Amino acid sequence: MNVTMNLYYTGKNGAAQAFAAEMEQSGLAARIRGKSGCVKYEYFTSLADCETVLLIDSWSNQAALDAHHASAEMQELAALREKYDLHMRAERYAAVEQQEADNRFIRE
């Protein structure tokens, strides 16, 4: 069962945007995406709050997420969060089967 974390990074004076840009430009985000069990690792910007960046961080199971948390990449990521003085909030989701009733709201 997939485990998905929505992580909201908030800073000041464009720090969250600069953090996400450095994650991408340094190749750190790509290395994380290449890890076994990584389903999705993607940054998004908020239209409502230009000082917040959302990371959707999805893993095939809890063991894969735990391995990510114990990795050298996670230590690099933590150092970048400190560099940019970011604050975070998190939401955790576990995948469930899509209900047939949901399909009427999905446009493919």
C-alpha atoms as a PDB file:
ATOM      1  CA  MET A   1       0.000   0.000   0.000  1.00  0.00           C
ATOM      2  CA  ASN A   2       1.447   3.371  -1.033  1.00  0.00           C
ATOM      3  CA  VAL A   3       2.272   5.912   1.651  1.00  0.00           C
ATOM      4  CA  THR A   4       2.104   9.530   0.553  1.00  0.00           C
ATOM      5  CA  MET A   5       3.315  12.545   2.463  1.00  0.00           C
ATOM      6  CA  ASN A   6       2.337  16.090   1.552  1.00  0.00           C
ATOM      7  CA  LEU A   7       5.096  18.264   2.986  1.00  0.00           C
ATOM      8  CA  TYR A   8       4.597  22.021   3.035  1.00  0.00           C
ATOM      9  CA  TYR A   9       7.861  23.987   3.203  1.00  0.00           C
ATOM     10  CA  THR A  10       7.466  27.629   4.226  1.00  0.00           C
ATOM     11  CA  GLY A  11      10.155  30.283   4.473  1.00  0.00           C
ATOM     12  CA  LYS A  12      10.713  33.976   3.921  1.00  0.00           C
ATOM     13  CA  ASN A  13      11.869  36.038   0.952  1.00  0.00           C
ATOM     14  CA  GLY A  14      11.629  33.191  -1.562  1.00  0.00           C
ATOM     15  CA  ALA A  15      13.535  30.662   0.565  1.00  0.00           C
ATOM     16  CA  ALA A  16      11.133  27.768  -0.114  1.00  0.00           C
ATOM     17  CA  GLN A  17      11.348  28.361  -3.870  1.00  0.00           C
ATOM     18  CA  ALA A  18      15.158  28.553  -3.681  1.00  0.00           C
ATOM     19  CA  PHE A  19      15.246  25.316  -1.655  1.00  0.00           C
ATOM     20  CA  ALA A  20      13.148  23.441  -4.241  1.00  0.00           C
ATOM     21  CA  ALA A  21      15.267  24.859  -7.073  1.00  0.00           C
ATOM     22  CA  GLU A  22      18.472  23.708  -5.367  1.00  0.00           C
ATOM     23  CA  MET A  23      16.983  20.253  -4.741  1.00  0.00           C
ATOM     24  CA  GLU A  24      16.338  19.953  -8.481  1.00  0.00           C
ATOM     25  CA  GLN A  25      19.480  21.649  -9.803  1.00  0.00           C
ATOM     26  CA  SER A  26      21.841  19.757  -7.471  1.00  0.00           C
ATOM     27  CA  GLY A  27      20.423  16.403  -8.572  1.00  0.00           C
ATOM     28  CA  LEU A  28      19.379  15.500  -5.034  1.00  0.00           C
ATOM     29  CA  ALA A  29      15.694  15.252  -5.972  1.00  0.00           C
ATOM     30  CA  ALA A  30      16.595  13.015  -8.945  1.00  0.00           C
ATOM     31  CA  ARG A  31      18.653  10.734  -6.701  1.00  0.00           C
ATOM     32  CA  ILE A  32      15.709  10.404  -4.326  1.00  0.00           C
ATOM     33  CA  ARG A  33      13.365   9.660  -7.250  1.00  0.00           C
ATOM     34  CA  GLY A  34      15.729   6.870  -8.284  1.00  0.00           C
ATOM     35  CA  LYS A  35      15.533   5.089  -4.943  1.00  0.00           C
ATOM     36  CA  SER A  36      13.799   1.736  -4.709  1.00  0.00           C
ATOM     37  CA  GLY A  37      10.171   2.211  -3.715  1.00  0.00           C
ATOM     38  CA  CYS A  38       9.890   5.874  -4.690  1.00  0.00           C
ATOM     39  CA  VAL A  39       6.585   6.366  -6.486  1.00  0.00           C
ATOM     40  CA  LYS A  40       6.532  10.175  -6.681  1.00  0.00           C
ATOM     41  CA  TYR A  41       8.758  12.995  -5.496  1.00  0.00           C
ATOM     42  CA  GLU A  42       7.628  16.302  -6.935  1.00  0.00           C
ATOM     43  CA  TYR A  43       7.570  19.940  -5.842  1.00  0.00           C
ATOM     44  CA  PHE A  44       4.682  22.342  -6.499  1.00  0.00           C
ATOM     45  CA  THR A  45       4.225  26.039  -5.805  1.00  0.00           C
ATOM     46  CA  SER A  46       1.248  27.506  -4.025  1.00  0.00           C
ATOM     47  CA  LEU A  47      -0.894  30.044  -5.852  1.00  0.00           C
ATOM     48  CA  ALA A  48      -2.287  31.214  -2.511  1.00  0.00           C
ATOM     49  CA  ASP A  49       1.055  31.577  -0.696  1.00  0.00           C
ATOM     50  CA  CYS A  50       4.200  32.360  -2.694  1.00  0.00           C
ATOM     51  CA  GLU A  51       6.344  31.548   0.372  1.00  0.00           C
ATOM     52  CA  THR A  52       5.161  27.908   0.479  1.00  0.00           C
ATOM     53  CA  VAL A  53       6.228  24.948  -1.651  1.00  0.00           C
ATOM     54  CA  LEU A  54       4.451  21.582  -1.537  1.00  0.00           C
ATOM     55  CA  LEU A  55       6.354  18.320  -1.888  1.00  0.00           C
ATOM     56  CA  ILE A  56       4.311  15.248  -2.767  1.00  0.00           C
ATOM     57  CA  ASP A  57       6.486  12.402  -1.506  1.00  0.00           C
ATOM     58  CA  SER A  58       5.015   8.962  -2.234  1.00  0.00           C
ATOM     59  CA  TRP A  59       6.534   5.539  -1.499  1.00  0.00           C
ATOM     60  CA  SER A  60       5.449   1.984  -2.278  1.00  0.00           C
ATOM     61  CA  ASN A  61       5.257   1.080   1.422  1.00  0.00           C
ATOM     62  CA  GLN A  62       6.356   2.148   4.882  1.00  0.00           C
ATOM     63  CA  ALA A  63       9.614   0.189   4.644  1.00  0.00           C
ATOM     64  CA  ALA A  64      10.643   2.173   1.536  1.00  0.00           C
ATOM     65  CA  LEU A  65       9.811   5.445   3.293  1.00  0.00           C
ATOM     66  CA  ASP A  66      11.782   4.351   6.364  1.00  0.00           C
ATOM     67  CA  ALA A  67      14.785   3.492   4.162  1.00  0.00           C
ATOM     68  CA  HIS A  68      14.561   6.953   2.579  1.00  0.00           C
ATOM     69  CA  HIS A  69      14.482   8.564   6.021  1.00  0.00           C
ATOM     70  CA  ALA A  70      17.646   6.653   6.987  1.00  0.00           C
ATOM     71  CA  SER A  71      19.506   7.531   3.756  1.00  0.00           C
ATOM     72  CA  ALA A  72      22.402   9.889   3.112  1.00  0.00           C
ATOM     73  CA  GLU A  73      20.111  11.861   0.792  1.00  0.00           C
ATOM     74  CA  MET A  74      17.837  12.600   3.736  1.00  0.00           C
ATOM     75  CA  GLN A  75      20.794  14.063   5.629  1.00  0.00           C
ATOM     76  CA  GLU A  76      21.589  16.316   2.647  1.00  0.00           C
ATOM     77  CA  LEU A  77      17.951  17.352   2.431  1.00  0.00           C
ATOM     78  CA  ALA A  78      17.861  18.208   6.148  1.00  0.00           C
ATOM     79  CA  ALA A  79      20.962  20.376   5.729  1.00  0.00           C
ATOM     80  CA  LEU A  80      19.295  22.279   2.886  1.00  0.00           C
ATOM     81  CA  ARG A  81      16.185  22.842   5.006  1.00  0.00           C
ATOM     82  CA  GLU A  82      18.415  24.389   7.651  1.00  0.00           C
ATOM     83  CA  LYS A  83      20.302  26.454   5.062  1.00  0.00           C
ATOM     84  CA  TYR A  84      17.036  28.017   3.896  1.00  0.00           C
ATOM     85  CA  ASP A  85      15.518  28.210   7.427  1.00  0.00           C
ATOM     86  CA  LEU A  86      12.342  26.415   6.350  1.00  0.00           C
ATOM     87  CA  HIS A  87       9.451  25.426   8.556  1.00  0.00           C
ATOM     88  CA  MET A  88       7.293  22.450   7.686  1.00  0.00           C
ATOM     89  CA  ARG A  89       3.934  20.876   8.181  1.00  0.00           C
ATOM     90  CA  ALA A  90       3.007  17.406   7.007  1.00  0.00           C
ATOM     91  CA  GLU A  91      -0.044  15.418   5.992  1.00  0.00           C
ATOM     92  CA  ARG A  92       0.104  11.645   5.661  1.00  0.00           C
ATOM     93  CA  TYR A  93      -2.083   9.585   3.345  1.00  0.00           C
ATOM     94  CA  ALA A  94      -2.391   5.858   2.744  1.00  0.00           C
ATOM     95  CA  ALA A  95      -3.769   4.632  -0.570  1.00  0.00           C
ATOM     96  CA  VAL A  96      -7.200   3.084  -0.699  1.00  0.00           C
ATOM     97  CA  GLU A  97      -9.023   1.542  -3.601  1.00  0.00           C
ATOM     98  CA  GLN A  98     -10.764   4.122  -5.716  1.00  0.00           C
ATOM     99  CA  GLN A  99     -14.491   3.918  -5.253  1.00  0.00           C
ATOM    100  CA  GLU A 100     -16.632   3.570  -8.359  1.00  0.00           C
ATOM    101  CA  ALA A 101     -18.608   6.626  -7.226  1.00  0.00           C
ATOM    102  CA  ASP A 102     -15.406   8.711  -7.479  1.00  0.00           C
ATOM    103  CA  ASN A 103     -15.096   8.008 -11.193  1.00  0.00           C
ATOM    104  CA  ARG A 104     -17.883  10.413 -12.102  1.00  0.00           C
ATOM    105  CA  PHE A 105     -15.716  13.298 -10.843  1.00  0.00           C
ATOM    106  CA  ILE A 106     -12.608  12.277 -12.780  1.00  0.00           C
ATOM    107  CA  ARG A 107     -12.076  13.649 -16.279  1.00  0.00           C
ATOM    108  CA  GLU A 108      -9.429  11.732 -18.202  1.00  0.00           C
END
